[in-house]
Amino acid sequence: MPDFQNHPSPRTYTVPELARDLKWVTTRLRQLWAIWVGRRLSPALREQIIVAVAQTNACRMCEHAHVRHALAAGVSNAELAALENMDEHAFDRATWLAVGHARSRTKADFAADDGDELKVAVVGALGPQTCRDVEDVARAMTVANRIANTLNALPDRRRGSPVPGSRLADELVINLLFLPGAWLGTLIAAIRQRKSPLAVWRQARSGRNGSSSTQRSPSCRV
């Protein structure tokens, strides 16, 4: 299998990039509904892909949120640790191909992939529909990752640690558009966990957890 190293710094958005990707989301709503609500893709595989993509995009908030979803879907702590360490031996071949393909498409920013050997292997192992579903989950999660990373980039800038390549104007616009929704998700998570919203927000931003390294709480939702 290829070596899928994660991004060294969080991937953020410019406003034009965000507009482009939100337009893509609107064209795939029916398919995304079938994946999430219709469970066309198994929840466990979906969440493994989501966690792997969040790691690839260096999105601590989304990884933090979806680790708990993955555990609820039946993914084990050992499998989550293997995702972080990119240890293929913890997974069956089909699952690892799907995860690898999701990472590969994410790294390529979903550019045309005609003749991609990994994609051919995924289609052979899981079928063309599941391959398309894997790609849709990876791309939808990348949209969420880059929004969350851009939300985080503004406070990081205020603390004197700007994210490389992120622009202040984009951070301001995207925070204005999405920060209220992020706080609403945090409030819901705080009620479920019986914690203060500020504590949940800080925990999600840092990617820390009060117990194990894999059991984290949601503040970013897809």
C-alpha atoms as a PDB file:
ATOM      1  CA  MET A   1       0.000   0.000   0.000  1.00  0.00           C
ATOM      2  CA  PRO A   2       1.193   3.568  -0.602  1.00  0.00           C
ATOM      3  CA  ASP A   3       2.405   5.683   2.306  1.00  0.00           C
ATOM      4  CA  PHE A   4      -0.345   8.158   3.240  1.00  0.00           C
ATOM      5  CA  GLN A   5       1.298  10.753   5.448  1.00  0.00           C
ATOM      6  CA  ASN A   6      -0.954  13.391   6.988  1.00  0.00           C
ATOM      7  CA  HIS A   7      -0.724  17.101   6.283  1.00  0.00           C
ATOM      8  CA  PRO A   8       1.893  18.816   8.483  1.00  0.00           C
ATOM      9  CA  SER A   9      -0.459  21.776   9.095  1.00  0.00           C
ATOM     10  CA  PRO A  10      -4.237  22.198   9.016  1.00  0.00           C
ATOM     11  CA  ARG A  11      -5.792  22.685   5.595  1.00  0.00           C
ATOM     12  CA  THR A  12      -7.842  25.873   5.541  1.00  0.00           C
ATOM     13  CA  TYR A  13     -10.131  27.565   3.026  1.00  0.00           C
ATOM     14  CA  THR A  14     -10.140  30.654   0.929  1.00  0.00           C
ATOM     15  CA  VAL A  15     -13.634  32.003   0.304  1.00  0.00           C
ATOM     16  CA  PRO A  16     -13.578  31.075  -3.437  1.00  0.00           C
ATOM     17  CA  GLU A  17     -12.473  27.520  -2.589  1.00  0.00           C
ATOM     18  CA  LEU A  18     -15.262  27.231  -0.047  1.00  0.00           C
ATOM     19  CA  ALA A  19     -17.847  28.473  -2.558  1.00  0.00           C
ATOM     20  CA  ARG A  20     -16.612  25.905  -5.096  1.00  0.00           C
ATOM     21  CA  ASP A  21     -16.852  23.030  -2.641  1.00  0.00           C
ATOM     22  CA  LEU A  22     -20.231  24.054  -1.238  1.00  0.00           C
ATOM     23  CA  LYS A  23     -21.511  24.031  -4.817  1.00  0.00           C
ATOM     24  CA  TRP A  24     -20.223  20.468  -5.120  1.00  0.00           C
ATOM     25  CA  VAL A  25     -22.071  19.520  -1.907  1.00  0.00           C
ATOM     26  CA  THR A  26     -25.360  20.753  -3.363  1.00  0.00           C
ATOM     27  CA  THR A  27     -24.887  18.430  -6.356  1.00  0.00           C
ATOM     28  CA  ARG A  28     -24.379  15.393  -4.092  1.00  0.00           C
ATOM     29  CA  LEU A  29     -27.096  15.877  -1.476  1.00  0.00           C
ATOM     30  CA  ARG A  30     -29.115  12.852  -2.608  1.00  0.00           C
ATOM     31  CA  GLN A  31     -26.055  10.613  -2.519  1.00  0.00           C
ATOM     32  CA  LEU A  32     -24.913  11.946   0.855  1.00  0.00           C
ATOM     33  CA  TRP A  33     -28.410  11.385   2.252  1.00  0.00           C
ATOM     34  CA  ALA A  34     -28.310   7.778   1.046  1.00  0.00           C
ATOM     35  CA  ILE A  35     -24.910   7.279   2.680  1.00  0.00           C
ATOM     36  CA  TRP A  36     -25.708   8.855   6.051  1.00  0.00           C
ATOM     37  CA  VAL A  37     -29.452   8.411   6.510  1.00  0.00           C
ATOM     38  CA  GLY A  38     -30.033   5.436   4.218  1.00  0.00           C
ATOM     39  CA  ARG A  39     -26.848   3.754   5.501  1.00  0.00           C
ATOM     40  CA  ARG A  40     -25.788   2.742   2.011  1.00  0.00           C
ATOM     41  CA  LEU A  41     -22.284   2.724   3.449  1.00  0.00           C
ATOM     42  CA  SER A  42     -21.913   0.944   6.776  1.00  0.00           C
ATOM     43  CA  PRO A  43     -21.629   3.412   9.692  1.00  0.00           C
ATOM     44  CA  ALA A  44     -18.423   1.761  10.915  1.00  0.00           C
ATOM     45  CA  LEU A  45     -16.660   2.091   7.549  1.00  0.00           C
ATOM     46  CA  ARG A  46     -18.035   5.602   7.082  1.00  0.00           C
ATOM     47  CA  GLU A  47     -16.651   6.724  10.444  1.00  0.00           C
ATOM     48  CA  GLN A  48     -13.287   5.059   9.845  1.00  0.00           C
ATOM     49  CA  ILE A  49     -13.026   6.994   6.587  1.00  0.00           C
ATOM     50  CA  ILE A  50     -14.082  10.216   8.306  1.00  0.00           C
ATOM     51  CA  VAL A  51     -11.484   9.863  11.068  1.00  0.00           C
ATOM     52  CA  ALA A  52      -8.756   9.002   8.543  1.00  0.00           C
ATOM     53  CA  VAL A  53      -9.619  12.016   6.385  1.00  0.00           C
ATOM     54  CA  ALA A  54      -9.705  14.326   9.413  1.00  0.00           C
ATOM     55  CA  GLN A  55      -6.223  13.109  10.327  1.00  0.00           C
ATOM     56  CA  THR A  56      -5.043  13.660   6.752  1.00  0.00           C
ATOM     57  CA  ASN A  57      -6.371  17.231   6.818  1.00  0.00           C
ATOM     58  CA  ALA A  58      -4.988  17.820  10.333  1.00  0.00           C
ATOM     59  CA  CYS A  59      -8.444  18.755  11.650  1.00  0.00           C
ATOM     60  CA  ARG A  60      -8.352  18.200  15.385  1.00  0.00           C
ATOM     61  CA  MET A  61     -11.960  19.331  15.922  1.00  0.00           C
ATOM     62  CA  CYS A  62     -13.486  16.911  13.420  1.00  0.00           C
ATOM     63  CA  GLU A  63     -11.270  14.016  14.460  1.00  0.00           C
ATOM     64  CA  HIS A  64     -12.207  14.731  18.073  1.00  0.00           C
ATOM     65  CA  ALA A  65     -15.925  14.642  17.195  1.00  0.00           C
ATOM     66  CA  HIS A  66     -15.945  11.574  15.001  1.00  0.00           C
ATOM     67  CA  VAL A  67     -13.854   9.304  17.191  1.00  0.00           C
ATOM     68  CA  ARG A  68     -16.868   9.070  19.501  1.00  0.00           C
ATOM     69  CA  HIS A  69     -19.155   8.424  16.522  1.00  0.00           C
ATOM     70  CA  ALA A  70     -16.782   5.690  15.360  1.00  0.00           C
ATOM     71  CA  LEU A  71     -16.827   4.010  18.760  1.00  0.00           C
ATOM     72  CA  ALA A  72     -20.624   4.140  18.769  1.00  0.00           C
ATOM     73  CA  ALA A  73     -20.642   2.541  15.307  1.00  0.00           C
ATOM     74  CA  GLY A  74     -18.607  -0.403  16.580  1.00  0.00           C
ATOM     75  CA  VAL A  75     -15.066   0.644  15.671  1.00  0.00           C
ATOM     76  CA  SER A  76     -12.657  -0.520  18.368  1.00  0.00           C
ATOM     77  CA  ASN A  77     -10.081   1.579  20.200  1.00  0.00           C
ATOM     78  CA  ALA A  78      -7.400  -0.638  18.659  1.00  0.00           C
ATOM     79  CA  GLU A  79      -8.682   0.138  15.160  1.00  0.00           C
ATOM     80  CA  LEU A  80      -8.763   3.861  15.903  1.00  0.00           C
ATOM     81  CA  ALA A  81      -5.183   3.700  17.146  1.00  0.00           C
ATOM     82  CA  ALA A  82      -4.244   1.800  13.972  1.00  0.00           C
ATOM     83  CA  LEU A  83      -5.847   4.533  11.853  1.00  0.00           C
ATOM     84  CA  GLU A  84      -3.726   7.135  13.595  1.00  0.00           C
ATOM     85  CA  ASN A  85      -0.588   5.034  13.167  1.00  0.00           C
ATOM     86  CA  MET A  86      -1.604   3.981   9.617  1.00  0.00           C
ATOM     87  CA  ASP A  87      -1.196   0.314  10.531  1.00  0.00           C
ATOM     88  CA  GLU A  88      -2.923  -1.709   7.825  1.00  0.00           C
ATOM     89  CA  HIS A  89      -2.543  -4.997   9.721  1.00  0.00           C
ATOM     90  CA  ALA A  90      -5.458  -4.087  12.026  1.00  0.00           C
ATOM     91  CA  PHE A  91      -7.967  -4.106   9.135  1.00  0.00           C
ATOM     92  CA  ASP A  92      -9.300  -6.450   6.502  1.00  0.00           C
ATOM     93  CA  ARG A  93      -8.108  -5.738   2.977  1.00  0.00           C
ATOM     94  CA  ALA A  94     -11.352  -4.126   1.772  1.00  0.00           C
ATOM     95  CA  THR A  95     -11.527  -1.695   4.701  1.00  0.00           C
ATOM     96  CA  TRP A  96      -7.894  -0.699   4.360  1.00  0.00           C
ATOM     97  CA  LEU A  97      -8.273  -0.158   0.621  1.00  0.00           C
ATOM     98  CA  ALA A  98     -11.278   2.105   1.272  1.00  0.00           C
ATOM     99  CA  VAL A  99      -9.413   4.084   3.925  1.00  0.00           C
ATOM    100  CA  GLY A 100      -6.336   4.332   1.736  1.00  0.00           C
ATOM    101  CA  HIS A 101      -8.376   5.505  -1.228  1.00  0.00           C
ATOM    102  CA  ALA A 102     -10.088   8.164   0.883  1.00  0.00           C
ATOM    103  CA  ARG A 103      -6.723   9.433   2.075  1.00  0.00           C
ATOM    104  CA  SER A 104      -5.291   9.356  -1.434  1.00  0.00           C
ATOM    105  CA  ARG A 105      -8.179  11.333  -2.944  1.00  0.00           C
ATOM    106  CA  THR A 106      -7.963  13.832  -0.094  1.00  0.00           C
ATOM    107  CA  LYS A 107      -4.241  14.342  -0.616  1.00  0.00           C
ATOM    108  CA  ALA A 108      -4.865  14.854  -4.344  1.00  0.00           C
ATOM    109  CA  ASP A 109      -7.622  17.377  -3.578  1.00  0.00           C
ATOM    110  CA  PHE A 110     -10.006  15.148  -5.544  1.00  0.00           C
ATOM    111  CA  ALA A 111      -8.372  15.818  -8.894  1.00  0.00           C
ATOM    112  CA  ALA A 112      -9.121  13.509 -11.835  1.00  0.00           C
ATOM    113  CA  ASP A 113      -7.927   9.991 -11.069  1.00  0.00           C
ATOM    114  CA  ASP A 114      -8.317   8.074 -14.338  1.00  0.00           C
ATOM    115  CA  GLY A 115      -6.237   4.921 -14.224  1.00  0.00           C
ATOM    116  CA  ASP A 116      -5.567   5.148 -10.488  1.00  0.00           C
ATOM    117  CA  GLU A 117      -4.450   1.660  -9.410  1.00  0.00           C
ATOM    118  CA  LEU A 118      -5.763   2.083  -5.876  1.00  0.00           C
ATOM    119  CA  LYS A 119      -9.196   3.079  -7.171  1.00  0.00           C
ATOM    120  CA  VAL A 120      -9.232   0.030  -9.430  1.00  0.00           C
ATOM    121  CA  ALA A 121      -8.432  -2.136  -6.396  1.00  0.00           C
ATOM    122  CA  VAL A 122     -11.235  -0.528  -4.359  1.00  0.00           C
ATOM    123  CA  VAL A 123     -13.746  -1.079  -7.170  1.00  0.00           C
ATOM    124  CA  GLY A 124     -12.629  -4.692  -7.394  1.00  0.00           C
ATOM    125  CA  ALA A 125     -12.966  -5.258  -3.655  1.00  0.00           C
ATOM    126  CA  LEU A 126     -16.090  -3.214  -2.860  1.00  0.00           C
ATOM    127  CA  GLY A 127     -17.780  -2.404  -6.162  1.00  0.00           C
ATOM    128  CA  PRO A 128     -18.163   0.868  -8.078  1.00  0.00           C
ATOM    129  CA  GLN A 129     -21.031   2.242  -5.961  1.00  0.00           C
ATOM    130  CA  THR A 130     -19.164   1.798  -2.689  1.00  0.00           C
ATOM    131  CA  CYS A 131     -16.069   3.337  -4.258  1.00  0.00           C
ATOM    132  CA  ARG A 132     -18.100   6.419  -5.204  1.00  0.00           C
ATOM    133  CA  ASP A 133     -19.565   6.523  -1.692  1.00  0.00           C
ATOM    134  CA  VAL A 134     -16.079   6.401  -0.165  1.00  0.00           C
ATOM    135  CA  GLU A 135     -15.038   9.338  -2.343  1.00  0.00           C
ATOM    136  CA  ASP A 136     -18.179  11.318  -1.456  1.00  0.00           C
ATOM    137  CA  VAL A 137     -17.625  10.784   2.280  1.00  0.00           C
ATOM    138  CA  ALA A 138     -13.987  11.819   1.945  1.00  0.00           C
ATOM    139  CA  ARG A 139     -14.841  14.977   0.039  1.00  0.00           C
ATOM    140  CA  ALA A 140     -17.752  15.957   2.300  1.00  0.00           C
ATOM    141  CA  MET A 141     -15.528  15.437   5.320  1.00  0.00           C
ATOM    142  CA  THR A 142     -12.775  17.510   3.752  1.00  0.00           C
ATOM    143  CA  VAL A 143     -15.239  20.396   3.411  1.00  0.00           C
ATOM    144  CA  ALA A 144     -16.060  20.102   7.121  1.00  0.00           C
ATOM    145  CA  ASN A 145     -12.370  19.759   8.026  1.00  0.00           C
ATOM    146  CA  ARG A 146     -11.291  22.851   6.129  1.00  0.00           C
ATOM    147  CA  ILE A 147     -14.153  24.935   7.554  1.00  0.00           C
ATOM    148  CA  ALA A 148     -13.262  23.837  11.097  1.00  0.00           C
ATOM    149  CA  ASN A 149      -9.564  24.482  10.492  1.00  0.00           C
ATOM    150  CA  THR A 150     -10.344  27.982   9.215  1.00  0.00           C
ATOM    151  CA  LEU A 151     -12.492  28.629  12.293  1.00  0.00           C
ATOM    152  CA  ASN A 152      -9.525  27.600  14.445  1.00  0.00           C
ATOM    153  CA  ALA A 153      -7.051  29.632  12.393  1.00  0.00           C
ATOM    154  CA  LEU A 154      -8.406  32.961  13.616  1.00  0.00           C
ATOM    155  CA  PRO A 155      -7.811  32.373  17.359  1.00  0.00           C
ATOM    156  CA  ASP A 156      -4.487  30.746  16.482  1.00  0.00           C
ATOM    157  CA  ARG A 157      -3.571  33.973  14.669  1.00  0.00           C
ATOM    158  CA  ARG A 158      -4.548  36.050  17.694  1.00  0.00           C
ATOM    159  CA  ARG A 159      -2.218  33.931  19.819  1.00  0.00           C
ATOM    160  CA  GLY A 160       0.639  34.628  17.426  1.00  0.00           C
ATOM    161  CA  SER A 161       0.610  31.243  15.648  1.00  0.00           C
ATOM    162  CA  PRO A 162      -1.019  31.803  12.238  1.00  0.00           C
ATOM    163  CA  VAL A 163      -1.692  28.708  10.158  1.00  0.00           C
ATOM    164  CA  PRO A 164       0.679  28.643   7.150  1.00  0.00           C
ATOM    165  CA  GLY A 165      -1.111  29.758   3.997  1.00  0.00           C
ATOM    166  CA  SER A 166      -4.270  30.910   5.774  1.00  0.00           C
ATOM    167  CA  ARG A 167      -5.409  34.489   5.120  1.00  0.00           C
ATOM    168  CA  LEU A 168      -6.968  36.810   7.675  1.00  0.00           C
ATOM    169  CA  ALA A 169      -9.748  37.992   5.339  1.00  0.00           C
ATOM    170  CA  ASP A 170     -10.863  34.405   4.656  1.00  0.00           C
ATOM    171  CA  GLU A 171     -10.725  33.546   8.346  1.00  0.00           C
ATOM    172  CA  LEU A 172     -12.936  36.515   9.219  1.00  0.00           C
ATOM    173  CA  VAL A 173     -15.565  35.739   6.565  1.00  0.00           C
ATOM    174  CA  ILE A 174     -15.708  32.016   7.332  1.00  0.00           C
ATOM    175  CA  ASN A 175     -15.898  32.618  11.082  1.00  0.00           C
ATOM    176  CA  LEU A 176     -18.767  35.028  10.508  1.00  0.00           C
ATOM    177  CA  LEU A 177     -20.604  32.406   8.441  1.00  0.00           C
ATOM    178  CA  PHE A 178     -19.935  29.246  10.434  1.00  0.00           C
ATOM    179  CA  LEU A 179     -18.966  30.076  14.014  1.00  0.00           C
ATOM    180  CA  PRO A 180     -22.612  30.301  15.228  1.00  0.00           C
ATOM    181  CA  GLY A 181     -23.269  26.792  13.920  1.00  0.00           C
ATOM    182  CA  ALA A 182     -20.106  25.478  15.538  1.00  0.00           C
ATOM    183  CA  TRP A 183     -21.185  26.913  18.866  1.00  0.00           C
ATOM    184  CA  LEU A 184     -24.630  25.342  18.491  1.00  0.00           C
ATOM    185  CA  GLY A 185     -22.990  21.954  17.953  1.00  0.00           C
ATOM    186  CA  THR A 186     -20.828  22.574  20.993  1.00  0.00           C
ATOM    187  CA  LEU A 187     -23.885  23.415  23.106  1.00  0.00           C
ATOM    188  CA  ILE A 188     -25.617  20.190  22.062  1.00  0.00           C
ATOM    189  CA  ALA A 189     -22.468  18.197  22.853  1.00  0.00           C
ATOM    190  CA  ALA A 190     -22.134  19.926  26.242  1.00  0.00           C
ATOM    191  CA  ILE A 191     -25.707  19.015  27.172  1.00  0.00           C
ATOM    192  CA  ARG A 192     -25.143  15.385  26.207  1.00  0.00           C
ATOM    193  CA  GLN A 193     -21.863  15.186  28.119  1.00  0.00           C
ATOM    194  CA  ARG A 194     -23.044  17.289  31.069  1.00  0.00           C
ATOM    195  CA  LYS A 195     -20.105  19.639  30.704  1.00  0.00           C
ATOM    196  CA  SER A 196     -19.827  23.366  30.214  1.00  0.00           C
ATOM    197  CA  PRO A 197     -19.898  24.491  26.557  1.00  0.00           C
ATOM    198  CA  LEU A 198     -16.566  26.289  27.027  1.00  0.00           C
ATOM    199  CA  ALA A 199     -14.923  23.125  28.339  1.00  0.00           C
ATOM    200  CA  VAL A 200     -16.216  21.095  25.380  1.00  0.00           C
ATOM    201  CA  TRP A 201     -15.083  23.777  22.910  1.00  0.00           C
ATOM    202  CA  ARG A 202     -11.596  23.950  24.374  1.00  0.00           C
ATOM    203  CA  GLN A 203     -11.318  20.158  24.482  1.00  0.00           C
ATOM    204  CA  ALA A 204     -12.378  19.874  20.841  1.00  0.00           C
ATOM    205  CA  ARG A 205      -9.992  22.599  19.658  1.00  0.00           C
ATOM    206  CA  SER A 206      -7.054  20.994  21.413  1.00  0.00           C
ATOM    207  CA  GLY A 207      -7.975  17.435  20.432  1.00  0.00           C
ATOM    208  CA  ARG A 208      -7.409  16.376  24.047  1.00  0.00           C
ATOM    209  CA  ASN A 209      -9.538  13.912  25.953  1.00  0.00           C
ATOM    210  CA  GLY A 210      -9.998  13.448  29.621  1.00  0.00           C
ATOM    211  CA  SER A 211      -9.604   9.675  29.506  1.00  0.00           C
ATOM    212  CA  SER A 212      -7.996   7.734  26.646  1.00  0.00           C
ATOM    213  CA  SER A 213      -6.438   9.062  23.483  1.00  0.00           C
ATOM    214  CA  THR A 214      -9.245   7.683  21.368  1.00  0.00           C
ATOM    215  CA  GLN A 215     -12.412   8.500  23.326  1.00  0.00           C
ATOM    216  CA  ARG A 216     -13.175  12.091  22.394  1.00  0.00           C
ATOM    217  CA  SER A 217     -16.281  14.226  22.373  1.00  0.00           C
ATOM    218  CA  PRO A 218     -18.176  15.862  19.493  1.00  0.00           C
ATOM    219  CA  SER A 219     -18.143  19.520  18.610  1.00  0.00           C
ATOM    220  CA  CYS A 220     -17.902  19.266  14.808  1.00  0.00           C
ATOM    221  CA  ARG A 221     -20.630  17.411  12.995  1.00  0.00           C
ATOM    222  CA  VAL A 222     -21.097  16.065   9.488  1.00  0.00           C
END
